[in-house]
Amino acid sequence: MTAPSVLSLVPTRPRPTPVNHTSPLFALSSRVVFDCAVLLVAACIPAHAFRSMLPNEHADITVTAAIAEGWNGEAARQLAAFVRAVDYIESDSSCFGTERHPSAAYSGSHHFDRNPPLQNAAAFTAGRNYVQNRLALAIQEGNAGHGELARNRAAQGLHALQDLFSHSNYVDLGAEFARTTYAAIWNAGAPSIWLQLTAYNAAPARYCTVAGLPGGSFQHNNEARDSLGENASSSGMITIDNAERNTRFFFAKREAIAATRDFLDRLNRGLTFPNGVRRRDLRRDADSAARLNAVRTAPADQPGLDEGYYEWASLQPYNTLGFTVSSHGNTVVFPPASFSLAEEVRAGMLAMTSVGGHDDTVLITPSGELVAVFREIRPEDMAFSPPAEVHIEFDRKDVNSLRAGTLAVFFAHPRADHWQRVVEAEVDESHGTADFLAHHGGVYAIGGVPRRIPSDPGCCQLAADVCDETAVIDCAVQRGQFHIDDRCNFATGNCGLSRPRPSRPLKPARPARPARPLRPAHPTRGN
């Protein structure tokens, strides 16, 4: 059997008319030319999901699609928050390093991951069944008048659906094969035999070994198109129709947006035409519009279920005349705005317990600081003019892993891929406070230079060996300092912790060998 010609499907334009669900959204068949010497996909690509933080790709995909499908901004943001929460819920931060270990809630079907020894077709079927199940539950909740629960169920399915395009070679398939694969999401058919899902080892032999390594062929860490600079495959350039040239990540994200619109359109039709209601009777079905409205719109004066994922939240409708929100000693003062709002939006501050998701590189700043205390200021997608005045209070124990005298405030713009220092911020380490001006919504964090582990073979060594974060921090406070090294290799079993090797004792010097006795002189021979 020969490999198919290398083609890609991309959306032709924003969809102005209802989708033709007999085929994928990506109706344009286009030939792709790769920057490789061969056309076999496996040979072209160097041997992780769309990111939920730094940059927030899942949220960008979701909000873009939801707004295009007629959702109001608050409902779209809630939907995006639910989509992003999947990565936080299904990851475990007990290991320091470049990537988190999946938690007990993790399932490969929630991300279209192929967990070896599962094969591509079986992994696809598991993901497909999950997406269909979440859509059905979203429709069920929506028809029952539970708008927020419908958004939550839909978000779970959307996270998986979006990951299909970043966890596979979908953008490298030919038009016919991609069409077959996309159609199989919504029917009982099989995907293309050429479809490859990224292999992700969710249960490595050593708990703190980087999940995903090894994962067999088409490995998650080398092949996933979750962010632009994640790996060589994601950032690899391809040319479509000898005209449009961009990265695999670009096309994967664009197709994920189109698929998200398709999912939301199916949700819309399920709410508008529930089972048992004939299309011609809908003009007299006033409840139909109410059901649809409850899912696609959210009020700014009521807390959303997504806020329950945070340690605490203090939000209210944005008042352009100026307002103040506060909680647990944390305060944000929004001065009178120099702009107007097209619709109401919730604004304020939330305390995040985590931002890592499956990828812990987001915990390290470009200059090497570790971020440890997180506050999200909403709306994330809004610039504040004039800037908001922010006061943060934090517990000293939350920064015990950071070296005294190095604390600073860092900001993660929703579309940025790194942390940037808020240079005008003032941090009072002795009282656990920070004050600064916020020019844009997003995530702000307290960070600093990590401490270092002493070289003695005491409890810190033991805590590091068992990869127990809490034990390491407690021990470091009692005995010394430690440092988190994001450049480590979990395969070596160092759990992402860098510590100097104890010097080896000097070997005793070998006793000097006794001198050999001199040989007697040879008698002089006669002539």
Protein backbone atom coordinates (compact mmCIF):
# COMPACT_ATOMS: atom_id res chain seq x y z
CA MET A 1 0.00 0.00 0.00
CA THR A 2 1.33 3.44 -0.86
CA ALA A 3 0.93 6.58 1.17
CA PRO A 4 -1.68 9.12 0.08
CA SER A 5 -0.70 12.35 -1.55
CA VAL A 6 -0.05 14.98 1.09
CA LEU A 7 -3.06 17.29 1.20
CA SER A 8 -4.67 19.54 3.77
CA LEU A 9 -8.19 20.81 4.34
CA VAL A 10 -8.74 24.35 5.49
CA PRO A 11 -11.84 26.48 5.89
CA THR A 12 -12.51 28.61 2.84
CA ARG A 13 -14.12 31.55 4.68
CA PRO A 14 -16.25 32.33 7.76
CA ARG A 15 -19.41 30.27 7.41
CA PRO A 16 -22.37 32.54 6.46
CA THR A 17 -24.84 29.70 5.98
CA PRO A 18 -25.71 26.54 7.96
CA VAL A 19 -23.10 23.82 7.83
CA ASN A 20 -23.42 20.87 5.52
CA HIS A 21 -22.98 18.13 8.09
CA THR A 22 -22.44 15.43 5.50
CA SER A 23 -18.87 16.64 5.18
CA PRO A 24 -16.37 18.46 7.40
CA LEU A 25 -16.28 22.23 7.50
CA PHE A 26 -13.02 22.17 5.69
CA ALA A 27 -14.35 21.83 2.16
CA LEU A 28 -11.36 23.22 0.29
CA SER A 29 -9.12 20.48 -1.06
CA SER A 30 -5.59 21.82 -1.28
CA ARG A 31 -2.26 20.28 -2.05
CA VAL A 32 0.41 20.84 0.56
CA VAL A 33 4.10 21.03 -0.24
CA PHE A 34 6.40 20.22 2.67
CA ASP A 35 9.91 21.42 3.31
CA CYS A 36 11.18 17.86 3.16
CA ALA A 37 12.83 15.75 0.56
CA VAL A 38 10.15 13.07 0.77
CA LEU A 39 6.37 13.12 0.88
CA LEU A 40 5.85 10.42 3.47
CA VAL A 41 4.44 12.25 6.47
CA ALA A 42 6.25 10.07 8.98
CA ALA A 43 9.53 10.85 7.31
CA CYS A 44 8.94 14.59 7.10
CA ILE A 45 8.05 15.22 10.72
CA PRO A 46 10.75 15.16 13.41
CA ALA A 47 10.13 12.32 15.75
CA HIS A 48 1.94 18.02 23.50
CA ALA A 49 -2.93 19.66 23.41
CA PHE A 50 -3.63 23.26 22.51
CA ARG A 51 -2.27 25.24 25.44
CA SER A 52 -4.52 26.38 28.28
CA MET A 53 -1.97 28.97 29.42
CA LEU A 54 0.87 30.95 27.85
CA PRO A 55 -0.62 31.40 25.36
CA ASN A 56 -4.24 30.50 26.09
CA GLU A 57 -4.99 28.82 22.78
CA HIS A 58 -8.04 26.85 23.99
CA ALA A 59 -9.72 30.07 25.18
CA ASP A 60 -8.89 31.94 21.98
CA ILE A 61 -10.30 29.15 19.82
CA THR A 62 -13.45 28.87 21.94
CA VAL A 63 -14.27 32.58 22.26
CA THR A 64 -13.61 33.21 18.57
CA ALA A 65 -15.98 30.42 17.54
CA ALA A 66 -18.69 31.16 20.15
CA ILE A 67 -18.90 34.86 19.27
CA ALA A 68 -19.15 33.93 15.59
CA GLU A 69 -22.04 31.58 16.45
CA GLY A 70 -24.02 34.33 18.18
CA TRP A 71 -23.03 33.82 21.84
CA ASN A 72 -22.72 36.89 24.02
CA GLY A 73 -19.31 37.74 25.45
CA GLU A 74 -19.95 36.57 29.01
CA ALA A 75 -21.29 33.17 27.92
CA ALA A 76 -18.37 32.76 25.51
CA ARG A 77 -15.88 33.53 28.29
CA GLN A 78 -17.56 31.06 30.65
CA LEU A 79 -17.45 28.42 27.95
CA ALA A 80 -13.75 29.11 27.39
CA ALA A 81 -13.02 28.93 31.13
CA PHE A 82 -14.67 25.49 31.26
CA VAL A 83 -12.67 24.33 28.23
CA ARG A 84 -9.41 25.50 29.81
CA ALA A 85 -10.24 23.93 33.20
CA VAL A 86 -10.00 20.42 31.74
CA ASP A 87 -6.21 20.60 31.62
CA TYR A 88 -5.98 21.91 35.20
CA ILE A 89 -8.32 19.25 36.60
CA GLU A 90 -6.61 16.40 34.80
CA SER A 91 -3.04 17.21 35.83
CA ASP A 92 -1.11 16.68 39.05
CA SER A 93 1.49 19.17 40.25
CA SER A 94 3.26 16.90 42.73
CA CYS A 95 6.29 16.70 40.44
CA PHE A 96 8.40 19.72 39.63
CA GLY A 97 9.79 19.95 36.15
CA THR A 98 8.91 20.51 32.55
CA GLU A 99 5.61 18.63 32.48
CA ARG A 100 2.94 17.56 34.95
CA HIS A 101 1.82 14.04 35.52
CA PRO A 102 -1.81 13.23 34.69
CA SER A 103 -4.12 13.16 37.70
CA ALA A 104 -6.62 10.42 38.54
CA ALA A 105 -9.21 12.37 36.51
CA TYR A 106 -7.16 12.10 33.31
CA SER A 107 -8.51 10.12 30.39
CA GLY A 108 -6.94 9.88 26.96
CA SER A 109 -10.39 10.16 25.36
CA HIS A 110 -10.74 13.68 26.79
CA HIS A 111 -7.79 14.82 24.66
CA PHE A 112 -7.74 12.40 21.70
CA ASP A 113 -4.53 10.98 23.19
CA ARG A 114 -3.37 7.54 22.16
CA ASN A 115 -2.23 5.82 25.34
CA PRO A 116 -0.08 2.84 24.29
CA PRO A 117 -0.73 0.04 23.65
CA LEU A 118 -3.99 1.51 22.25
CA GLN A 119 -3.95 1.81 18.47
CA ASN A 120 -5.01 4.85 16.43
CA ALA A 121 -8.48 3.59 15.46
CA ALA A 122 -9.39 2.54 19.02
CA ALA A 123 -8.12 5.82 20.49
CA PHE A 124 -10.08 7.78 17.88
CA THR A 125 -13.26 5.83 18.67
CA ALA A 126 -12.87 6.54 22.39
CA GLY A 127 -12.44 10.26 21.72
CA ARG A 128 -15.31 10.32 19.22
CA ASN A 129 -17.66 8.60 21.69
CA TYR A 130 -16.72 11.12 24.38
CA VAL A 131 -17.37 14.13 22.13
CA GLN A 132 -20.76 12.74 21.09
CA ASN A 133 -21.65 11.97 24.71
CA ARG A 134 -20.78 15.49 25.90
CA LEU A 135 -22.79 17.06 23.09
CA ALA A 136 -25.80 14.89 23.96
CA LEU A 137 -25.51 15.84 27.64
CA ALA A 138 -25.19 19.54 26.74
CA ILE A 139 -28.37 19.33 24.67
CA GLN A 140 -30.12 17.47 27.49
CA GLU A 141 -29.14 20.10 30.08
CA GLY A 142 -30.03 22.93 27.72
CA ASN A 143 -33.47 21.53 26.97
CA ALA A 144 -34.00 21.23 30.74
CA GLY A 145 -33.28 24.95 31.08
CA HIS A 146 -29.87 24.49 32.74
CA GLY A 147 -27.82 26.93 30.68
CA GLU A 148 -24.61 26.85 32.73
CA LEU A 149 -24.56 23.06 32.99
CA ALA A 150 -25.08 22.90 29.25
CA ARG A 151 -22.05 25.14 28.75
CA ASN A 152 -20.00 22.98 31.10
CA ARG A 153 -20.86 19.75 29.28
CA ALA A 154 -20.27 21.37 25.91
CA ALA A 155 -16.87 22.63 27.02
CA GLN A 156 -15.75 19.14 27.97
CA GLY A 157 -16.57 17.89 24.50
CA LEU A 158 -15.01 20.94 22.87
CA HIS A 159 -11.70 20.45 24.67
CA ALA A 160 -11.44 16.96 23.24
CA LEU A 161 -12.59 18.02 19.77
CA GLN A 162 -10.09 20.87 19.61
CA ASP A 163 -7.31 18.56 20.76
CA LEU A 164 -8.00 16.22 17.85
CA PHE A 165 -6.38 18.74 15.49
CA SER A 166 -3.34 19.38 17.69
CA HIS A 167 -2.89 15.73 18.72
CA SER A 168 -2.86 14.20 15.27
CA ASN A 169 -1.55 14.50 11.73
CA TYR A 170 -4.97 15.75 10.54
CA VAL A 171 -3.55 18.79 8.77
CA ASP A 172 -1.19 16.49 6.86
CA LEU A 173 -3.94 14.24 5.50
CA GLY A 174 -5.22 14.46 1.96
CA ALA A 175 -8.63 16.05 1.38
CA GLU A 176 -10.47 12.75 1.01
CA PHE A 177 -8.84 11.22 4.08
CA ALA A 178 -9.45 14.29 6.25
CA ARG A 179 -13.09 14.38 5.11
CA THR A 180 -13.48 10.73 6.07
CA THR A 181 -11.91 11.36 9.46
CA TYR A 182 -14.01 14.40 10.30
CA ALA A 183 -17.25 12.72 9.22
CA ALA A 184 -16.38 9.77 11.48
CA ILE A 185 -16.56 12.05 14.53
CA TRP A 186 -20.32 12.30 14.04
CA ASN A 187 -21.18 8.85 12.74
CA ALA A 188 -20.19 5.27 13.34
CA GLY A 189 -17.65 5.26 10.53
CA ALA A 190 -13.94 4.66 10.79
CA PRO A 191 -11.35 7.43 10.40
CA SER A 192 -8.80 7.38 7.62
CA ILE A 193 -6.29 4.59 7.91
CA TRP A 194 -3.61 7.28 7.58
CA LEU A 195 -4.72 9.12 10.72
CA GLN A 196 -2.13 9.13 13.49
CA LEU A 197 -2.90 10.29 17.03
CA THR A 198 -0.02 11.35 19.23
CA ALA A 199 1.19 8.63 21.58
CA TYR A 200 1.06 9.69 25.23
CA ASN A 201 2.28 7.39 27.99
CA ALA A 202 -0.02 8.36 30.89
CA ALA A 203 1.48 5.87 33.34
CA PRO A 204 5.29 5.87 33.19
CA ALA A 205 7.09 3.30 35.32
CA ARG A 206 8.52 6.03 37.54
CA TYR A 207 5.84 8.48 38.68
CA CYS A 208 7.90 11.59 38.08
CA THR A 209 9.20 10.52 34.71
CA VAL A 210 7.81 12.92 32.12
CA ALA A 211 4.42 11.57 31.09
CA GLY A 212 4.43 10.88 27.40
CA LEU A 213 7.95 9.47 27.29
CA PRO A 214 8.35 7.04 25.83
CA GLY A 215 5.09 6.90 23.95
CA GLY A 216 5.88 4.78 20.95
CA SER A 217 5.74 6.15 17.41
CA PHE A 218 4.38 9.65 16.65
CA GLN A 219 5.15 10.83 20.16
CA HIS A 220 3.12 13.55 21.86
CA ASN A 221 6.07 15.70 22.86
CA ASN A 222 7.53 15.80 19.35
CA GLU A 223 4.40 15.84 17.18
CA ALA A 224 1.57 17.72 18.96
CA ARG A 225 0.69 21.12 17.45
CA ASP A 226 -0.47 22.74 20.71
CA SER A 227 1.45 26.02 20.38
CA LEU A 228 3.57 27.66 17.75
CA GLY A 229 6.96 27.01 19.28
CA GLU A 230 6.25 23.72 21.03
CA ASN A 231 8.31 21.55 18.69
CA ALA A 232 9.76 21.43 15.19
CA SER A 233 6.68 19.71 13.79
CA SER A 234 4.27 22.35 15.12
CA SER A 235 6.35 25.25 13.82
CA GLY A 236 7.19 23.50 10.55
CA MET A 237 6.10 25.48 7.51
CA ILE A 238 3.81 24.04 4.83
CA THR A 239 2.50 25.60 1.65
CA ILE A 240 -1.10 25.12 0.54
CA ASP A 241 -2.04 25.39 -3.12
CA ASN A 242 1.40 26.80 -3.81
CA ALA A 243 0.06 30.05 -2.34
CA GLU A 244 -0.78 30.06 1.36
CA ARG A 245 2.22 29.27 3.47
CA ASN A 246 2.10 28.89 7.24
CA THR A 247 2.84 26.53 10.11
CA ARG A 248 1.09 23.27 10.97
CA PHE A 249 0.04 24.91 14.23
CA PHE A 250 -1.66 27.71 12.28
CA PHE A 251 -3.72 25.30 10.21
CA ALA A 252 -4.50 23.03 13.19
CA LYS A 253 -5.82 26.02 15.14
CA ARG A 254 -7.85 27.30 12.21
CA GLU A 255 -9.50 23.95 11.70
CA ALA A 256 -10.14 23.67 15.46
CA ILE A 257 -12.03 26.98 15.32
CA ALA A 258 -14.12 25.74 12.43
CA ALA A 259 -14.85 22.43 14.19
CA THR A 260 -15.81 24.32 17.37
CA ARG A 261 -18.33 26.34 15.34
CA ASP A 262 -19.71 23.10 13.94
CA PHE A 263 -20.10 21.63 17.45
CA LEU A 264 -21.90 24.77 18.67
CA ASP A 265 -24.13 24.73 15.61
CA ARG A 266 -25.11 21.14 16.41
CA LEU A 267 -25.81 22.20 20.00
CA ASN A 268 -27.96 25.05 18.68
CA ARG A 269 -29.98 22.71 16.46
CA GLY A 270 -30.40 20.24 19.32
CA LEU A 271 -31.87 22.99 21.48
CA THR A 272 -34.00 24.45 18.71
CA PHE A 273 -35.36 21.17 17.42
CA PRO A 274 -35.53 18.81 20.42
CA ASN A 275 -36.82 15.31 19.92
CA GLY A 276 -40.57 15.23 19.59
CA VAL A 277 -40.92 18.81 18.34
CA ARG A 278 -41.66 19.13 14.64
CA ARG A 279 -39.92 21.91 12.76
CA ARG A 280 -43.21 23.49 11.60
CA ASP A 281 -44.44 23.65 15.19
CA LEU A 282 -41.50 25.74 16.41
CA ARG A 283 -43.16 29.03 15.57
CA ARG A 284 -45.55 28.27 18.39
CA ASP A 285 -42.83 26.90 20.67
CA ALA A 286 -41.87 29.93 22.78
CA ASP A 287 -39.76 27.71 25.04
CA SER A 288 -37.37 26.95 22.18
CA ALA A 289 -36.01 30.50 22.08
CA ALA A 290 -35.75 30.58 25.88
CA ARG A 291 -33.71 27.37 25.95
CA LEU A 292 -31.37 28.66 23.29
CA ASN A 293 -30.99 32.00 25.02
CA ALA A 294 -30.19 30.38 28.39
CA VAL A 295 -27.22 28.56 26.85
CA ARG A 296 -25.82 31.21 24.53
CA THR A 297 -26.13 34.20 26.87
CA ALA A 298 -24.94 34.77 30.44
CA PRO A 299 -25.69 37.77 32.66
CA ALA A 300 -22.83 39.85 34.01
CA ASP A 301 -24.53 40.40 37.37
CA GLN A 302 -24.53 36.72 38.36
CA PRO A 303 -21.50 34.50 39.14
CA GLY A 304 -20.81 31.74 36.67
CA LEU A 305 -20.08 28.13 37.55
CA ASP A 306 -16.58 28.59 36.15
CA GLU A 307 -15.75 30.81 39.13
CA GLY A 308 -16.06 27.74 41.34
CA TYR A 309 -12.74 26.48 39.99
CA TYR A 310 -10.94 29.27 41.86
CA GLU A 311 -9.92 29.58 45.51
CA TRP A 312 -12.05 32.72 45.71
CA ALA A 313 -13.60 35.18 43.29
CA SER A 314 -14.65 38.81 43.56
CA LEU A 315 -16.43 39.90 40.37
CA GLN A 316 -19.22 42.27 39.42
CA PRO A 317 -20.53 43.98 36.27
CA TYR A 318 -17.96 46.40 34.86
CA ASN A 319 -18.94 49.97 35.72
CA THR A 320 -17.32 52.53 33.42
CA LEU A 321 -17.88 55.19 36.10
CA GLY A 322 -15.37 53.39 38.32
CA PHE A 323 -15.69 50.72 41.01
CA THR A 324 -13.71 48.64 43.53
CA VAL A 325 -13.70 44.89 44.18
CA SER A 326 -12.01 43.20 47.12
CA SER A 327 -11.66 39.82 48.81
CA HIS A 328 -9.29 38.30 51.37
CA GLY A 329 -7.38 41.58 51.60
CA ASN A 330 -6.90 41.74 47.82
CA THR A 331 -8.26 44.83 46.08
CA VAL A 332 -8.64 46.14 42.53
CA VAL A 333 -9.69 49.75 41.97
CA PHE A 334 -11.04 50.33 38.45
CA PRO A 335 -11.03 54.10 37.81
CA PRO A 336 -13.57 55.78 35.53
CA ALA A 337 -12.99 54.40 32.05
CA SER A 338 -12.21 56.36 28.92
CA PHE A 339 -14.22 53.88 26.81
CA SER A 340 -17.74 52.49 26.57
CA LEU A 341 -18.89 48.86 26.58
CA ALA A 342 -20.95 47.24 23.86
CA GLU A 343 -22.37 44.77 26.40
CA GLU A 344 -22.06 44.10 30.12
CA VAL A 345 -19.11 42.04 31.31
CA ARG A 346 -17.99 40.71 34.69
CA ALA A 347 -14.83 42.24 36.07
CA GLY A 348 -12.67 41.89 39.15
CA MET A 349 -10.13 39.49 40.63
CA LEU A 350 -9.94 35.73 41.19
CA ALA A 351 -7.38 33.65 43.12
CA MET A 352 -6.01 30.86 40.94
CA THR A 353 -4.55 27.78 42.58
CA SER A 354 -2.71 26.67 39.46
CA VAL A 355 -1.78 27.77 35.97
CA GLY A 356 0.34 24.81 34.93
CA GLY A 357 -2.00 22.37 33.29
CA HIS A 358 0.01 19.55 31.74
CA ASP A 359 2.98 21.80 30.98
CA ASP A 360 5.00 23.21 33.87
CA THR A 361 7.27 25.32 31.70
CA VAL A 362 4.63 28.05 32.22
CA LEU A 363 5.83 28.29 35.83
CA ILE A 364 9.24 29.63 34.78
CA THR A 365 9.89 33.15 33.51
CA PRO A 366 12.32 33.81 30.62
CA SER A 367 14.86 35.10 33.15
CA GLY A 368 14.57 31.96 35.33
CA GLU A 369 12.25 33.04 38.16
CA LEU A 370 9.63 30.64 39.50
CA VAL A 371 6.05 32.02 39.75
CA ALA A 372 4.11 30.82 42.79
CA VAL A 373 1.11 33.06 43.69
CA PHE A 374 -1.52 33.74 41.03
CA ARG A 375 -4.29 36.33 40.62
CA GLU A 376 -6.45 36.61 37.52
CA ILE A 377 -7.88 40.02 36.67
CA ARG A 378 -10.93 40.05 34.41
CA PRO A 379 -11.89 40.81 31.74
CA GLU A 380 -8.76 39.12 30.44
CA ASP A 381 -9.27 40.45 26.94
CA MET A 382 -9.56 44.12 27.97
CA ALA A 383 -6.98 46.91 28.20
CA PHE A 384 -7.62 49.29 31.09
CA SER A 385 -7.35 53.01 30.40
CA PRO A 386 -6.51 54.44 32.82
CA PRO A 387 -4.90 51.40 34.51
CA ALA A 388 -6.45 49.60 37.48
CA GLU A 389 -4.81 49.90 40.90
CA VAL A 390 -4.09 46.44 42.35
CA HIS A 391 -3.22 45.40 45.90
CA ILE A 392 -2.37 41.72 46.51
CA GLU A 393 -1.91 40.00 49.86
CA PHE A 394 -0.28 36.57 50.02
CA ASP A 395 0.84 34.08 52.65
CA ARG A 396 4.58 33.82 53.24
CA LYS A 397 4.38 30.04 53.14
CA ASP A 398 3.26 30.31 49.51
CA VAL A 399 6.64 31.78 48.59
CA ASN A 400 8.88 29.70 50.87
CA SER A 401 10.35 28.11 47.76
CA LEU A 402 11.62 31.52 46.61
CA ARG A 403 14.77 33.26 47.74
CA ALA A 404 14.20 36.25 50.04
CA GLY A 405 14.90 39.60 48.42
CA THR A 406 14.08 38.42 44.89
CA LEU A 407 10.26 38.61 44.83
CA ALA A 408 8.66 40.52 41.98
CA VAL A 409 5.31 40.75 40.12
CA PHE A 410 4.97 39.13 36.70
CA PHE A 411 2.20 39.39 34.09
CA ALA A 412 0.98 36.87 31.52
CA HIS A 413 -0.91 38.49 28.66
CA PRO A 414 -3.62 36.10 27.33
CA ARG A 415 -1.93 35.96 23.93
CA ALA A 416 1.68 35.92 25.15
CA ASP A 417 3.85 32.83 25.46
CA HIS A 418 5.91 34.05 28.43
CA TRP A 419 5.81 36.03 31.68
CA GLN A 420 6.93 39.66 31.75
CA ARG A 421 8.04 41.58 34.84
CA VAL A 422 5.82 44.43 36.07
CA VAL A 423 8.70 46.81 36.68
CA GLU A 424 6.77 49.45 38.64
CA ALA A 425 5.37 46.91 41.15
CA GLU A 426 6.28 47.20 44.83
CA VAL A 427 6.55 43.95 46.83
CA ASP A 428 6.73 43.98 50.64
CA GLU A 429 8.05 40.53 51.48
CA SER A 430 7.87 40.98 55.26
CA HIS A 431 4.14 41.76 55.17
CA GLY A 432 3.25 39.63 52.14
CA THR A 433 1.83 42.38 49.93
CA ALA A 434 2.30 43.66 46.39
CA ASP A 435 1.02 46.86 44.79
CA PHE A 436 1.05 47.71 41.08
CA LEU A 437 -0.92 49.14 38.15
CA ALA A 438 -2.66 46.70 35.80
CA HIS A 439 -2.85 47.98 32.24
CA HIS A 440 -4.51 44.84 30.88
CA GLY A 441 -6.56 41.91 32.10
CA GLY A 442 -4.81 38.58 32.50
CA VAL A 443 -2.90 36.57 35.08
CA TYR A 444 -0.54 38.27 37.52
CA ALA A 445 1.86 36.31 39.72
CA ILE A 446 4.38 36.71 42.53
CA GLY A 447 7.65 35.08 41.54
CA GLY A 448 11.30 35.02 42.47
CA VAL A 449 14.58 33.19 42.27
CA PRO A 450 14.15 29.59 43.47
CA ARG A 451 16.09 28.34 46.46
CA ARG A 452 18.64 25.54 46.29
CA ILE A 453 18.80 22.11 47.86
CA PRO A 454 21.76 21.45 50.15
CA SER A 455 24.06 18.61 49.23
CA ASP A 456 23.65 16.75 52.52
CA PRO A 457 21.97 13.33 52.20
CA GLY A 458 19.18 14.20 54.68
CA CYS A 459 15.44 14.55 54.28
CA CYS A 460 15.67 16.84 51.24
CA GLN A 461 17.46 14.11 49.32
CA LEU A 462 14.73 11.63 50.31
CA ALA A 463 11.92 14.05 49.47
CA ALA A 464 13.46 14.67 46.07
CA ASP A 465 13.81 10.97 45.38
CA VAL A 466 10.11 10.34 46.00
CA CYS A 467 9.12 13.48 44.08
CA ASP A 468 7.06 14.88 46.94
CA GLU A 469 6.69 18.63 46.38
CA THR A 470 5.30 19.38 49.83
CA ALA A 471 8.02 17.37 51.55
CA VAL A 472 10.70 19.12 49.53
CA ILE A 473 9.40 22.58 50.41
CA ASP A 474 8.95 21.73 54.11
CA CYS A 475 12.38 20.19 54.24
CA ALA A 476 13.97 23.11 52.42
CA VAL A 477 12.51 25.54 54.92
CA GLN A 478 13.91 23.50 57.80
CA ARG A 479 17.31 22.60 56.40
CA GLY A 480 18.31 24.90 53.63
CA GLN A 481 17.42 25.94 50.16
CA PHE A 482 16.40 24.28 46.94
CA HIS A 483 16.18 25.12 43.27
CA ILE A 484 13.78 23.95 40.55
CA ASP A 485 15.58 23.34 37.31
CA ASP A 486 13.21 23.38 34.32
CA ARG A 487 16.00 22.11 32.09
CA CYS A 488 16.19 18.78 33.90
CA ASN A 489 15.46 15.42 32.38
CA PHE A 490 12.91 13.43 34.35
CA ALA A 491 14.23 10.28 32.73
CA THR A 492 17.26 10.57 34.99
CA GLY A 493 14.97 10.37 38.01
CA ASN A 494 15.98 13.70 39.51
CA CYS A 495 12.32 14.86 39.63
CA GLY A 496 13.23 18.21 38.19
CA LEU A 497 15.28 19.08 41.25
CA SER A 498 18.83 20.25 40.83
CA ARG A 499 21.28 19.60 43.63
CA PRO A 500 25.07 19.47 43.66
CA ARG A 501 26.54 16.02 43.84
CA PRO A 502 28.36 15.29 47.09
CA SER A 503 32.06 15.20 46.54
CA ARG A 504 33.53 11.73 46.50
CA PRO A 505 35.96 10.92 49.32
CA LEU A 506 39.53 10.84 48.21
CA LYS A 507 40.91 7.38 47.77
CA PRO A 508 43.77 6.61 50.11
CA ALA A 509 47.12 6.90 48.44
CA ARG A 510 48.68 3.63 47.47
CA PRO A 511 51.72 2.75 49.55
CA ALA A 512 54.95 3.29 47.72
CA ARG A 513 56.42 0.17 46.24
CA PRO A 514 59.70 -0.94 47.82
CA ALA A 515 62.67 -0.22 45.67
CA ARG A 516 64.00 -3.16 43.76
CA PRO A 517 67.44 -4.38 44.90
CA LEU A 518 70.20 -3.52 42.54
CA ARG A 519 71.54 -6.37 40.49
CA PRO A 520 75.13 -7.26 41.11
CA ALA A 521 77.49 -5.87 38.55
CA HIS A 522 78.32 -8.25 35.71
CA PRO A 523 81.81 -9.55 36.06
CA THR A 524 84.18 -8.09 33.57
CA ARG A 525 84.72 -10.42 30.73
CA GLY A 526 88.19 -11.15 29.58
CA ASN A 527 89.46 -10.36 26.12
